[in-house]
Amino acid sequence: METEKSKILIFGGTGYIGKYMVKASIFLGHPTYVYARPITPQTTPSKIDIHKELKSMGVIIVQGELKEHEKIVSVLREVDIVISALAYPQVPDQLEIIDAIKVAGNIKRFLPSDFGCEEDRITPLPPFQEFLDKKKKIRRVIEAAGIPYTFVSANCYGAYFVNYLLRPHEKRDDIAVYGSGKAKAVLNYEEDIALYAIKVANDPITCNCIVIYRPPKNIVSQLELISLWEKKIGRSFNKVHIPEEEITKLSETTPPPNNIPVSILHSVFVKGDLMNFELGEEDIEASSLYPDFEFKTIDQLLDIFLVNPPKPAIAAFE
């Protein structure tokens, strides 16, 4: 029987997926810390509001930069588990966190900023591959350092991609379909991604393992997703197919970093990379772990969009 909840430190806790991680940690009863950039006169009102919201929930916010080694070590010594939810531009900066973890010497688990596709199993177009190579480097450094880890491959952020693919906030007759629209992807609601991440971070079974989120009811193609949405709203869209060749060409001609999201669309929704490999004996599929926690299905996620649609978000690539 669990007597004392682990203390969790989250880097990037004021960002897109980070906010979900923080709320999930609090919901599951963990003393929760967030290491965040200092508030300055240039800080946006929305970011200040996030700080206030997290503090009101009981989160301990430590303001600092990733270069402040001693400060990070000091905070690490107060906690048990570290989760990095840093956005893509800061992925290499996780080396600073790893160095501090090695010095602190007390961290029981580290979850680096993965939470997307299984980067060791796919070979996408070059812009996305370069993106993934930076994440793969972090994995290899963690392994070499002997830091207890869990690598979480949560696949697609469900609300983010429903907004991107279906454009429910816009009034339109046409809807873009990438490639044939038949490739299977995996869309998981962000709240569930975060809840399961906190659960696996505390689970002895998942130590030094890869956890892949593939709940069967969340495996869906673009055409299936569009059809579900059409039935819910009682109307049909004109489906405009964008050929694979056009998407590939765009990935080659679009200046960086905007060529990255183009390459992600190709990998996920044209090639179907998320479902193009079998899970091995050493892989752990998240939805099989905790019978008392169920992923919201795609159908349930679309119901959320009917009642209280999540706001569209923009991924940070620079």
C-alpha atoms as a PDB file:
ATOM      1  CA  MET A   1       0.000   0.000   0.000  1.00  0.00           C
ATOM      2  CA  GLU A   2       1.339   3.405  -1.032  1.00  0.00           C
ATOM      3  CA  THR A   3       2.035   5.506   2.055  1.00  0.00           C
ATOM      4  CA  GLU A   4       3.697   8.563   0.582  1.00  0.00           C
ATOM      5  CA  LYS A   5       3.283  10.035  -2.896  1.00  0.00           C
ATOM      6  CA  SER A   6       6.428  10.684  -4.907  1.00  0.00           C
ATOM      7  CA  LYS A   7       7.413  14.285  -5.481  1.00  0.00           C
ATOM      8  CA  ILE A   8       7.442  15.206  -9.159  1.00  0.00           C
ATOM      9  CA  LEU A   9       9.390  17.982 -10.886  1.00  0.00           C
ATOM     10  CA  ILE A  10       8.224  19.019 -14.351  1.00  0.00           C
ATOM     11  CA  PHE A  11      10.291  21.053 -16.791  1.00  0.00           C
ATOM     12  CA  GLY A  12       8.194  22.855 -19.384  1.00  0.00           C
ATOM     13  CA  GLY A  13       5.184  22.714 -17.095  1.00  0.00           C
ATOM     14  CA  THR A  14       3.729  25.957 -18.442  1.00  0.00           C
ATOM     15  CA  GLY A  15       3.827  24.753 -22.058  1.00  0.00           C
ATOM     16  CA  TYR A  16       1.222  22.908 -24.119  1.00  0.00           C
ATOM     17  CA  ILE A  17       1.579  19.305 -22.942  1.00  0.00           C
ATOM     18  CA  GLY A  18       3.339  20.417 -19.763  1.00  0.00           C
ATOM     19  CA  LYS A  19       0.185  22.002 -18.351  1.00  0.00           C
ATOM     20  CA  TYR A  20      -1.618  18.693 -18.758  1.00  0.00           C
ATOM     21  CA  MET A  21       1.246  16.888 -16.997  1.00  0.00           C
ATOM     22  CA  VAL A  22       1.121  19.272 -14.046  1.00  0.00           C
ATOM     23  CA  LYS A  23      -2.641  18.983 -13.661  1.00  0.00           C
ATOM     24  CA  ALA A  24      -2.453  15.179 -13.895  1.00  0.00           C
ATOM     25  CA  SER A  25       0.263  15.078 -11.232  1.00  0.00           C
ATOM     26  CA  ILE A  26      -1.847  17.201  -8.876  1.00  0.00           C
ATOM     27  CA  PHE A  27      -4.964  15.143  -9.672  1.00  0.00           C
ATOM     28  CA  LEU A  28      -3.139  11.950  -8.714  1.00  0.00           C
ATOM     29  CA  GLY A  29      -2.048  13.493  -5.416  1.00  0.00           C
ATOM     30  CA  HIS A  30       1.650  14.123  -6.020  1.00  0.00           C
ATOM     31  CA  PRO A  31       3.501  17.096  -4.542  1.00  0.00           C
ATOM     32  CA  THR A  32       4.324  18.868  -7.798  1.00  0.00           C
ATOM     33  CA  TYR A  33       7.106  21.258  -8.719  1.00  0.00           C
ATOM     34  CA  VAL A  34       7.543  23.183 -11.966  1.00  0.00           C
ATOM     35  CA  TYR A  35      10.850  24.619 -13.131  1.00  0.00           C
ATOM     36  CA  ALA A  36       9.994  27.570 -15.357  1.00  0.00           C
ATOM     37  CA  ARG A  37      11.634  30.568 -16.949  1.00  0.00           C
ATOM     38  CA  PRO A  38      11.596  33.651 -14.694  1.00  0.00           C
ATOM     39  CA  ILE A  39       8.764  36.129 -15.055  1.00  0.00           C
ATOM     40  CA  THR A  40      10.083  39.310 -16.705  1.00  0.00           C
ATOM     41  CA  PRO A  41       8.505  42.513 -18.070  1.00  0.00           C
ATOM     42  CA  GLN A  42       8.462  40.719 -21.456  1.00  0.00           C
ATOM     43  CA  THR A  43       6.447  37.746 -20.157  1.00  0.00           C
ATOM     44  CA  THR A  44       3.062  37.507 -21.866  1.00  0.00           C
ATOM     45  CA  PRO A  45      -0.127  37.966 -19.825  1.00  0.00           C
ATOM     46  CA  SER A  46      -1.218  34.435 -20.794  1.00  0.00           C
ATOM     47  CA  LYS A  47       1.983  32.946 -19.350  1.00  0.00           C
ATOM     48  CA  ILE A  48       1.540  34.968 -16.147  1.00  0.00           C
ATOM     49  CA  ASP A  49      -2.031  33.630 -15.913  1.00  0.00           C
ATOM     50  CA  ILE A  50      -0.709  30.061 -16.225  1.00  0.00           C
ATOM     51  CA  HIS A  51       1.700  30.696 -13.328  1.00  0.00           C
ATOM     52  CA  LYS A  52      -1.169  31.998 -11.204  1.00  0.00           C
ATOM     53  CA  GLU A  53      -3.383  29.043 -12.110  1.00  0.00           C
ATOM     54  CA  LEU A  54      -0.694  26.488 -11.241  1.00  0.00           C
ATOM     55  CA  LYS A  55       0.092  28.189  -7.932  1.00  0.00           C
ATOM     56  CA  SER A  56      -3.605  28.188  -7.044  1.00  0.00           C
ATOM     57  CA  MET A  57      -3.557  24.399  -7.509  1.00  0.00           C
ATOM     58  CA  GLY A  58      -0.723  24.038  -5.012  1.00  0.00           C
ATOM     59  CA  VAL A  59       2.134  23.724  -7.508  1.00  0.00           C
ATOM     60  CA  ILE A  60       5.542  24.915  -6.309  1.00  0.00           C
ATOM     61  CA  ILE A  61       7.049  27.000  -9.115  1.00  0.00           C
ATOM     62  CA  VAL A  62      10.813  27.443  -9.189  1.00  0.00           C
ATOM     63  CA  GLN A  63      11.866  30.200 -11.569  1.00  0.00           C
ATOM     64  CA  GLY A  64      15.185  29.698 -13.292  1.00  0.00           C
ATOM     65  CA  GLU A  65      17.081  29.079 -16.520  1.00  0.00           C
ATOM     66  CA  LEU A  66      18.298  25.700 -17.719  1.00  0.00           C
ATOM     67  CA  LYS A  67      21.880  26.959 -17.505  1.00  0.00           C
ATOM     68  CA  GLU A  68      21.559  27.460 -13.722  1.00  0.00           C
ATOM     69  CA  HIS A  69      23.141  24.140 -12.814  1.00  0.00           C
ATOM     70  CA  GLU A  70      23.340  24.557  -9.048  1.00  0.00           C
ATOM     71  CA  LYS A  71      19.743  25.749  -8.803  1.00  0.00           C
ATOM     72  CA  ILE A  72      18.503  22.726 -10.753  1.00  0.00           C
ATOM     73  CA  VAL A  73      20.578  20.329  -8.633  1.00  0.00           C
ATOM     74  CA  SER A  74      19.116  21.917  -5.499  1.00  0.00           C
ATOM     75  CA  VAL A  75      15.548  21.434  -6.740  1.00  0.00           C
ATOM     76  CA  LEU A  76      16.255  17.875  -7.882  1.00  0.00           C
ATOM     77  CA  ARG A  77      17.334  16.952  -4.367  1.00  0.00           C
ATOM     78  CA  GLU A  78      13.829  17.868  -3.159  1.00  0.00           C
ATOM     79  CA  VAL A  79      12.015  15.487  -5.543  1.00  0.00           C
ATOM     80  CA  ASP A  80      11.867  11.862  -6.681  1.00  0.00           C
ATOM     81  CA  ILE A  81      10.765  11.947 -10.313  1.00  0.00           C
ATOM     82  CA  VAL A  82      11.625  14.300 -13.180  1.00  0.00           C
ATOM     83  CA  ILE A  83       9.483  14.801 -16.274  1.00  0.00           C
ATOM     84  CA  SER A  84      10.621  16.968 -19.151  1.00  0.00           C
ATOM     85  CA  ALA A  85       7.858  18.465 -21.270  1.00  0.00           C
ATOM     86  CA  LEU A  86      10.155  20.945 -22.994  1.00  0.00           C
ATOM     87  CA  ALA A  87       9.194  21.967 -26.521  1.00  0.00           C
ATOM     88  CA  TYR A  88      11.247  20.895 -29.530  1.00  0.00           C
ATOM     89  CA  PRO A  89      13.609  23.913 -29.596  1.00  0.00           C
ATOM     90  CA  GLN A  90      14.736  23.050 -26.056  1.00  0.00           C
ATOM     91  CA  VAL A  91      15.195  19.296 -26.594  1.00  0.00           C
ATOM     92  CA  PRO A  92      19.028  19.576 -26.687  1.00  0.00           C
ATOM     93  CA  ASP A  93      18.904  21.613 -23.460  1.00  0.00           C
ATOM     94  CA  GLN A  94      17.831  18.451 -21.655  1.00  0.00           C
ATOM     95  CA  LEU A  95      21.551  17.665 -21.481  1.00  0.00           C
ATOM     96  CA  GLU A  96      21.637  20.301 -18.718  1.00  0.00           C
ATOM     97  CA  ILE A  97      18.938  18.393 -16.828  1.00  0.00           C
ATOM     98  CA  ILE A  98      20.779  15.096 -17.290  1.00  0.00           C
ATOM     99  CA  ASP A  99      24.018  16.592 -15.950  1.00  0.00           C
ATOM    100  CA  ALA A 100      22.153  17.898 -12.898  1.00  0.00           C
ATOM    101  CA  ILE A 101      20.454  14.516 -12.328  1.00  0.00           C
ATOM    102  CA  LYS A 102      23.857  12.817 -12.314  1.00  0.00           C
ATOM    103  CA  VAL A 103      25.123  15.259  -9.689  1.00  0.00           C
ATOM    104  CA  ALA A 104      21.984  15.114  -7.527  1.00  0.00           C
ATOM    105  CA  GLY A 105      22.129  11.331  -7.453  1.00  0.00           C
ATOM    106  CA  ASN A 106      18.669  10.759  -5.990  1.00  0.00           C
ATOM    107  CA  ILE A 107      16.260  10.717  -8.937  1.00  0.00           C
ATOM    108  CA  LYS A 108      14.242   7.506  -9.169  1.00  0.00           C
ATOM    109  CA  ARG A 109      12.887   8.090 -12.685  1.00  0.00           C
ATOM    110  CA  PHE A 110      13.369  10.478 -15.600  1.00  0.00           C
ATOM    111  CA  LEU A 111      10.901  10.887 -18.449  1.00  0.00           C
ATOM    112  CA  PRO A 112      12.527  12.948 -21.215  1.00  0.00           C
ATOM    113  CA  SER A 113      10.540  15.053 -23.651  1.00  0.00           C
ATOM    114  CA  ASP A 114       9.309  12.320 -25.996  1.00  0.00           C
ATOM    115  CA  PHE A 115       5.503  11.918 -25.876  1.00  0.00           C
ATOM    116  CA  GLY A 116       5.209  11.625 -29.658  1.00  0.00           C
ATOM    117  CA  CYS A 117       6.066   8.877 -32.134  1.00  0.00           C
ATOM    118  CA  GLU A 118       8.460   6.042 -31.326  1.00  0.00           C
ATOM    119  CA  GLU A 119      11.567   7.737 -32.709  1.00  0.00           C
ATOM    120  CA  ASP A 120      13.737   4.632 -32.708  1.00  0.00           C
ATOM    121  CA  ARG A 121      11.350   2.738 -35.015  1.00  0.00           C
ATOM    122  CA  ILE A 122      10.543   5.064 -37.918  1.00  0.00           C
ATOM    123  CA  THR A 123      12.422   6.647 -40.825  1.00  0.00           C
ATOM    124  CA  PRO A 124      10.589   9.789 -41.954  1.00  0.00           C
ATOM    125  CA  LEU A 125      11.517  12.550 -44.412  1.00  0.00           C
ATOM    126  CA  PRO A 126      14.765  14.416 -43.578  1.00  0.00           C
ATOM    127  CA  PRO A 127      13.297  17.452 -41.725  1.00  0.00           C
ATOM    128  CA  PHE A 128      11.374  15.215 -39.311  1.00  0.00           C
ATOM    129  CA  GLN A 129      14.282  12.789 -39.073  1.00  0.00           C
ATOM    130  CA  GLU A 130      16.592  15.614 -37.943  1.00  0.00           C
ATOM    131  CA  PHE A 131      13.950  16.537 -35.365  1.00  0.00           C
ATOM    132  CA  LEU A 132      13.855  12.941 -34.081  1.00  0.00           C
ATOM    133  CA  ASP A 133      17.640  12.555 -34.112  1.00  0.00           C
ATOM    134  CA  LYS A 134      17.873  15.194 -31.383  1.00  0.00           C
ATOM    135  CA  LYS A 135      15.430  13.220 -29.240  1.00  0.00           C
ATOM    136  CA  LYS A 136      17.263   9.961 -29.967  1.00  0.00           C
ATOM    137  CA  LYS A 137      20.521  11.542 -28.805  1.00  0.00           C
ATOM    138  CA  ILE A 138      18.904  12.412 -25.468  1.00  0.00           C
ATOM    139  CA  ARG A 139      17.728   8.810 -25.075  1.00  0.00           C
ATOM    140  CA  ARG A 140      21.224   7.455 -25.709  1.00  0.00           C
ATOM    141  CA  VAL A 141      22.797   9.872 -23.209  1.00  0.00           C
ATOM    142  CA  ILE A 142      20.256   8.859 -20.533  1.00  0.00           C
ATOM    143  CA  GLU A 143      20.964   5.169 -21.141  1.00  0.00           C
ATOM    144  CA  ALA A 144      24.736   5.694 -21.047  1.00  0.00           C
ATOM    145  CA  ALA A 145      24.467   7.648 -17.778  1.00  0.00           C
ATOM    146  CA  GLY A 146      22.563   4.814 -16.092  1.00  0.00           C
ATOM    147  CA  ILE A 147      19.689   7.108 -15.115  1.00  0.00           C
ATOM    148  CA  PRO A 148      16.437   5.199 -14.425  1.00  0.00           C
ATOM    149  CA  TYR A 149      14.082   6.169 -17.238  1.00  0.00           C
ATOM    150  CA  THR A 150      10.792   5.564 -18.961  1.00  0.00           C
ATOM    151  CA  PHE A 151      10.509   6.560 -22.616  1.00  0.00           C
ATOM    152  CA  VAL A 152       6.901   7.444 -23.434  1.00  0.00           C
ATOM    153  CA  SER A 153       5.708   7.239 -27.028  1.00  0.00           C
ATOM    154  CA  ALA A 154       2.245   8.752 -26.761  1.00  0.00           C
ATOM    155  CA  ASN A 155       1.758   9.129 -30.532  1.00  0.00           C
ATOM    156  CA  CYS A 156      -0.520  12.031 -31.606  1.00  0.00           C
ATOM    157  CA  TYR A 157      -1.926  14.689 -29.311  1.00  0.00           C
ATOM    158  CA  GLY A 158      -5.611  14.065 -29.975  1.00  0.00           C
ATOM    159  CA  ALA A 159      -7.127  17.529 -29.447  1.00  0.00           C
ATOM    160  CA  TYR A 160      -4.246  19.176 -31.297  1.00  0.00           C
ATOM    161  CA  PHE A 161      -4.691  17.013 -34.384  1.00  0.00           C
ATOM    162  CA  VAL A 162      -8.499  17.054 -34.346  1.00  0.00           C
ATOM    163  CA  ASN A 163      -8.211  20.829 -34.501  1.00  0.00           C
ATOM    164  CA  TYR A 164      -5.593  20.630 -37.243  1.00  0.00           C
ATOM    165  CA  LEU A 165      -7.297  18.001 -39.399  1.00  0.00           C
ATOM    166  CA  LEU A 166     -10.973  18.889 -38.986  1.00  0.00           C
ATOM    167  CA  ARG A 167     -10.756  22.673 -38.375  1.00  0.00           C
ATOM    168  CA  PRO A 168     -13.914  22.574 -36.224  1.00  0.00           C
ATOM    169  CA  HIS A 169     -13.522  26.254 -35.255  1.00  0.00           C
ATOM    170  CA  GLU A 170     -13.797  27.326 -38.902  1.00  0.00           C
ATOM    171  CA  LYS A 171     -16.791  27.398 -41.217  1.00  0.00           C
ATOM    172  CA  ARG A 172     -15.675  25.613 -44.354  1.00  0.00           C
ATOM    173  CA  ASP A 173     -16.947  23.211 -46.997  1.00  0.00           C
ATOM    174  CA  ASP A 174     -13.600  21.682 -47.949  1.00  0.00           C
ATOM    175  CA  ILE A 175     -11.367  19.541 -45.798  1.00  0.00           C
ATOM    176  CA  ALA A 176      -7.790  18.551 -46.651  1.00  0.00           C
ATOM    177  CA  VAL A 177      -6.886  14.869 -46.784  1.00  0.00           C
ATOM    178  CA  TYR A 178      -3.199  13.986 -46.835  1.00  0.00           C
ATOM    179  CA  GLY A 179      -2.419  11.218 -49.296  1.00  0.00           C
ATOM    180  CA  SER A 180      -5.110   8.542 -49.602  1.00  0.00           C
ATOM    181  CA  GLY A 181      -6.493   9.291 -46.135  1.00  0.00           C
ATOM    182  CA  LYS A 182      -6.435   5.574 -45.339  1.00  0.00           C
ATOM    183  CA  ALA A 183      -3.195   5.383 -43.308  1.00  0.00           C
ATOM    184  CA  LYS A 184      -3.800   4.580 -39.650  1.00  0.00           C
ATOM    185  CA  ALA A 185      -2.678   6.984 -36.925  1.00  0.00           C
ATOM    186  CA  VAL A 186      -3.139   6.971 -33.132  1.00  0.00           C
ATOM    187  CA  LEU A 187      -4.849   9.995 -31.566  1.00  0.00           C
ATOM    188  CA  ASN A 188      -4.879  10.195 -27.771  1.00  0.00           C
ATOM    189  CA  TYR A 189      -6.479  12.961 -25.729  1.00  0.00           C
ATOM    190  CA  GLU A 190      -3.873  15.100 -23.989  1.00  0.00           C
ATOM    191  CA  GLU A 191      -5.442  14.627 -20.553  1.00  0.00           C
ATOM    192  CA  ASP A 192      -5.023  10.871 -20.921  1.00  0.00           C
ATOM    193  CA  ILE A 193      -1.480  11.173 -22.255  1.00  0.00           C
ATOM    194  CA  ALA A 194      -0.583  13.110 -19.120  1.00  0.00           C
ATOM    195  CA  LEU A 195      -2.416  10.859 -16.643  1.00  0.00           C
ATOM    196  CA  TYR A 196      -0.762   7.755 -18.016  1.00  0.00           C
ATOM    197  CA  ALA A 197       2.638   9.482 -18.030  1.00  0.00           C
ATOM    198  CA  ILE A 198       2.337  10.220 -14.312  1.00  0.00           C
ATOM    199  CA  LYS A 199       1.204   6.641 -13.682  1.00  0.00           C
ATOM    200  CA  VAL A 200       4.079   5.043 -15.616  1.00  0.00           C
ATOM    201  CA  ALA A 201       6.593   7.406 -13.998  1.00  0.00           C
ATOM    202  CA  ASN A 202       5.711   5.814 -10.656  1.00  0.00           C
ATOM    203  CA  ASP A 203       5.396   2.214 -11.828  1.00  0.00           C
ATOM    204  CA  PRO A 204       8.298  -0.194 -11.130  1.00  0.00           C
ATOM    205  CA  ILE A 205       7.200  -2.289 -14.126  1.00  0.00           C
ATOM    206  CA  THR A 206       7.944   0.538 -16.567  1.00  0.00           C
ATOM    207  CA  CYS A 207      11.428   1.406 -15.284  1.00  0.00           C
ATOM    208  CA  ASN A 208      13.987   1.383 -18.122  1.00  0.00           C
ATOM    209  CA  CYS A 209      11.234   0.546 -20.606  1.00  0.00           C
ATOM    210  CA  ILE A 210       9.475   2.063 -23.584  1.00  0.00           C
ATOM    211  CA  VAL A 211       5.745   2.621 -23.085  1.00  0.00           C
ATOM    212  CA  ILE A 212       3.743   3.001 -26.290  1.00  0.00           C
ATOM    213  CA  TYR A 213       0.195   4.385 -26.299  1.00  0.00           C
ATOM    214  CA  ARG A 214      -1.902   2.315 -28.728  1.00  0.00           C
ATOM    215  CA  PRO A 215      -5.418   1.998 -27.295  1.00  0.00           C
ATOM    216  CA  PRO A 216      -7.335   0.081 -29.993  1.00  0.00           C
ATOM    217  CA  LYS A 217     -10.267   2.510 -30.172  1.00  0.00           C
ATOM    218  CA  ASN A 218      -7.910   5.417 -30.859  1.00  0.00           C
ATOM    219  CA  ILE A 219      -6.347   3.916 -33.986  1.00  0.00           C
ATOM    220  CA  VAL A 220      -8.000   5.794 -36.823  1.00  0.00           C
ATOM    221  CA  SER A 221      -7.442   6.990 -40.385  1.00  0.00           C
ATOM    222  CA  GLN A 222      -8.158  10.507 -41.602  1.00  0.00           C
ATOM    223  CA  LEU A 223     -11.145   9.309 -43.626  1.00  0.00           C
ATOM    224  CA  GLU A 224     -12.568   7.480 -40.615  1.00  0.00           C
ATOM    225  CA  LEU A 225     -12.077  10.568 -38.443  1.00  0.00           C
ATOM    226  CA  ILE A 226     -13.781  12.807 -40.981  1.00  0.00           C
ATOM    227  CA  SER A 227     -16.678  10.362 -41.315  1.00  0.00           C
ATOM    228  CA  LEU A 228     -17.180  10.251 -37.546  1.00  0.00           C
ATOM    229  CA  TRP A 229     -17.211  14.051 -37.388  1.00  0.00           C
ATOM    230  CA  GLU A 230     -19.634  14.352 -40.310  1.00  0.00           C
ATOM    231  CA  LYS A 231     -22.089  12.036 -38.530  1.00  0.00           C
ATOM    232  CA  LYS A 232     -21.837  14.060 -35.311  1.00  0.00           C
ATOM    233  CA  ILE A 233     -22.435  17.456 -36.916  1.00  0.00           C
ATOM    234  CA  GLY A 234     -24.911  16.248 -39.563  1.00  0.00           C
ATOM    235  CA  ARG A 235     -23.120  17.528 -42.641  1.00  0.00           C
ATOM    236  CA  SER A 236     -20.597  16.409 -45.248  1.00  0.00           C
ATOM    237  CA  PHE A 237     -17.344  17.933 -46.435  1.00  0.00           C
ATOM    238  CA  ASN A 238     -15.735  18.066 -49.848  1.00  0.00           C
ATOM    239  CA  LYS A 239     -12.544  16.068 -49.343  1.00  0.00           C
ATOM    240  CA  VAL A 240      -9.566  17.592 -51.140  1.00  0.00           C
ATOM    241  CA  HIS A 241      -6.774  15.031 -51.393  1.00  0.00           C
ATOM    242  CA  ILE A 242      -3.222  16.372 -51.314  1.00  0.00           C
ATOM    243  CA  PRO A 243      -0.986  13.875 -53.147  1.00  0.00           C
ATOM    244  CA  GLU A 244       2.022  12.379 -51.390  1.00  0.00           C
ATOM    245  CA  GLU A 245       4.326  13.813 -54.065  1.00  0.00           C
ATOM    246  CA  GLU A 246       3.114  17.343 -53.307  1.00  0.00           C
ATOM    247  CA  ILE A 247       3.699  16.904 -49.572  1.00  0.00           C
ATOM    248  CA  THR A 248       7.173  15.467 -50.175  1.00  0.00           C
ATOM    249  CA  LYS A 249       8.015  18.401 -52.447  1.00  0.00           C
ATOM    250  CA  LEU A 250       6.757  20.855 -49.832  1.00  0.00           C
ATOM    251  CA  SER A 251       9.053  19.284 -47.241  1.00  0.00           C
ATOM    252  CA  GLU A 252      11.976  19.932 -49.588  1.00  0.00           C
ATOM    253  CA  THR A 253      11.094  23.499 -50.570  1.00  0.00           C
ATOM    254  CA  THR A 254       9.605  24.935 -47.366  1.00  0.00           C
ATOM    255  CA  PRO A 255      12.242  26.808 -45.323  1.00  0.00           C
ATOM    256  CA  PRO A 256      13.083  25.404 -41.881  1.00  0.00           C
ATOM    257  CA  PRO A 257      11.625  25.052 -39.334  1.00  0.00           C
ATOM    258  CA  ASN A 258       8.283  25.059 -41.182  1.00  0.00           C
ATOM    259  CA  ASN A 259       9.374  22.018 -43.173  1.00  0.00           C
ATOM    260  CA  ILE A 260       9.158  19.953 -39.959  1.00  0.00           C
ATOM    261  CA  PRO A 261       5.337  19.926 -39.582  1.00  0.00           C
ATOM    262  CA  VAL A 262       5.000  19.125 -43.298  1.00  0.00           C
ATOM    263  CA  SER A 263       7.266  16.111 -42.798  1.00  0.00           C
ATOM    264  CA  ILE A 264       5.310  15.064 -39.703  1.00  0.00           C
ATOM    265  CA  LEU A 265       2.065  15.055 -41.703  1.00  0.00           C
ATOM    266  CA  HIS A 266       3.739  12.861 -44.313  1.00  0.00           C
ATOM    267  CA  SER A 267       5.069  10.413 -41.738  1.00  0.00           C
ATOM    268  CA  VAL A 268       1.919  10.116 -39.634  1.00  0.00           C
ATOM    269  CA  PHE A 269      -0.948  10.546 -42.090  1.00  0.00           C
ATOM    270  CA  VAL A 270       0.503   9.490 -45.454  1.00  0.00           C
ATOM    271  CA  LYS A 271       2.919   6.687 -44.557  1.00  0.00           C
ATOM    272  CA  GLY A 272       1.143   5.618 -41.361  1.00  0.00           C
ATOM    273  CA  ASP A 273       4.449   5.321 -39.503  1.00  0.00           C
ATOM    274  CA  LEU A 274       2.798   5.123 -36.070  1.00  0.00           C
ATOM    275  CA  MET A 275       1.307   1.738 -36.949  1.00  0.00           C
ATOM    276  CA  ASN A 276       3.996   0.443 -39.303  1.00  0.00           C
ATOM    277  CA  PHE A 277       5.787  -1.669 -36.719  1.00  0.00           C
ATOM    278  CA  GLU A 278       4.767  -4.470 -34.411  1.00  0.00           C
ATOM    279  CA  LEU A 279       5.176  -4.152 -30.665  1.00  0.00           C
ATOM    280  CA  GLY A 280       7.880  -6.440 -29.331  1.00  0.00           C
ATOM    281  CA  GLU A 281       7.954  -8.535 -26.180  1.00  0.00           C
ATOM    282  CA  GLU A 282       9.843  -5.808 -24.328  1.00  0.00           C
ATOM    283  CA  ASP A 283       7.423  -3.052 -25.357  1.00  0.00           C
ATOM    284  CA  ILE A 284       4.658  -2.044 -22.964  1.00  0.00           C
ATOM    285  CA  GLU A 285       1.337  -0.886 -24.408  1.00  0.00           C
ATOM    286  CA  ALA A 286      -0.092   1.773 -22.097  1.00  0.00           C
ATOM    287  CA  SER A 287      -3.798   0.946 -22.226  1.00  0.00           C
ATOM    288  CA  SER A 288      -3.124  -2.580 -20.926  1.00  0.00           C
ATOM    289  CA  LEU A 289      -1.466  -1.336 -17.726  1.00  0.00           C
ATOM    290  CA  TYR A 290      -4.185   0.162 -15.560  1.00  0.00           C
ATOM    291  CA  PRO A 291      -7.725  -1.279 -15.743  1.00  0.00           C
ATOM    292  CA  ASP A 292      -9.048   1.561 -13.562  1.00  0.00           C
ATOM    293  CA  PHE A 293      -7.926   4.191 -16.098  1.00  0.00           C
ATOM    294  CA  GLU A 294      -9.411   4.148 -19.575  1.00  0.00           C
ATOM    295  CA  PHE A 295      -8.359   6.268 -22.517  1.00  0.00           C
ATOM    296  CA  LYS A 296     -11.077   8.445 -23.971  1.00  0.00           C
ATOM    297  CA  THR A 297     -11.933   7.051 -27.373  1.00  0.00           C
ATOM    298  CA  ILE A 298     -11.852   9.079 -30.582  1.00  0.00           C
ATOM    299  CA  ASP A 299     -15.637   9.101 -30.452  1.00  0.00           C
ATOM    300  CA  GLN A 300     -15.590  10.544 -26.925  1.00  0.00           C
ATOM    301  CA  LEU A 301     -12.979  13.120 -27.902  1.00  0.00           C
ATOM    302  CA  LEU A 302     -15.159  14.343 -30.755  1.00  0.00           C
ATOM    303  CA  ASP A 303     -18.051  14.641 -28.276  1.00  0.00           C
ATOM    304  CA  ILE A 304     -15.863  17.005 -26.247  1.00  0.00           C
ATOM    305  CA  PHE A 305     -15.418  19.110 -29.386  1.00  0.00           C
ATOM    306  CA  LEU A 306     -19.188  19.299 -29.772  1.00  0.00           C
ATOM    307  CA  VAL A 307     -19.720  20.612 -26.231  1.00  0.00           C
ATOM    308  CA  ASN A 308     -16.562  22.459 -25.184  1.00  0.00           C
ATOM    309  CA  PRO A 309     -14.022  22.413 -28.012  1.00  0.00           C
ATOM    310  CA  PRO A 310     -10.365  22.758 -26.971  1.00  0.00           C
ATOM    311  CA  LYS A 311      -8.706  25.819 -28.471  1.00  0.00           C
ATOM    312  CA  PRO A 312      -6.392  25.299 -31.450  1.00  0.00           C
ATOM    313  CA  ALA A 313      -2.706  25.296 -30.555  1.00  0.00           C
ATOM    314  CA  ILE A 314       0.466  25.970 -32.500  1.00  0.00           C
ATOM    315  CA  ALA A 315       3.437  23.655 -32.107  1.00  0.00           C
ATOM    316  CA  ALA A 316       6.771  25.316 -31.367  1.00  0.00           C
ATOM    317  CA  PHE A 317       9.541  24.453 -33.804  1.00  0.00           C
ATOM    318  CA  GLU A 318      11.792  27.460 -33.284  1.00  0.00           C
END
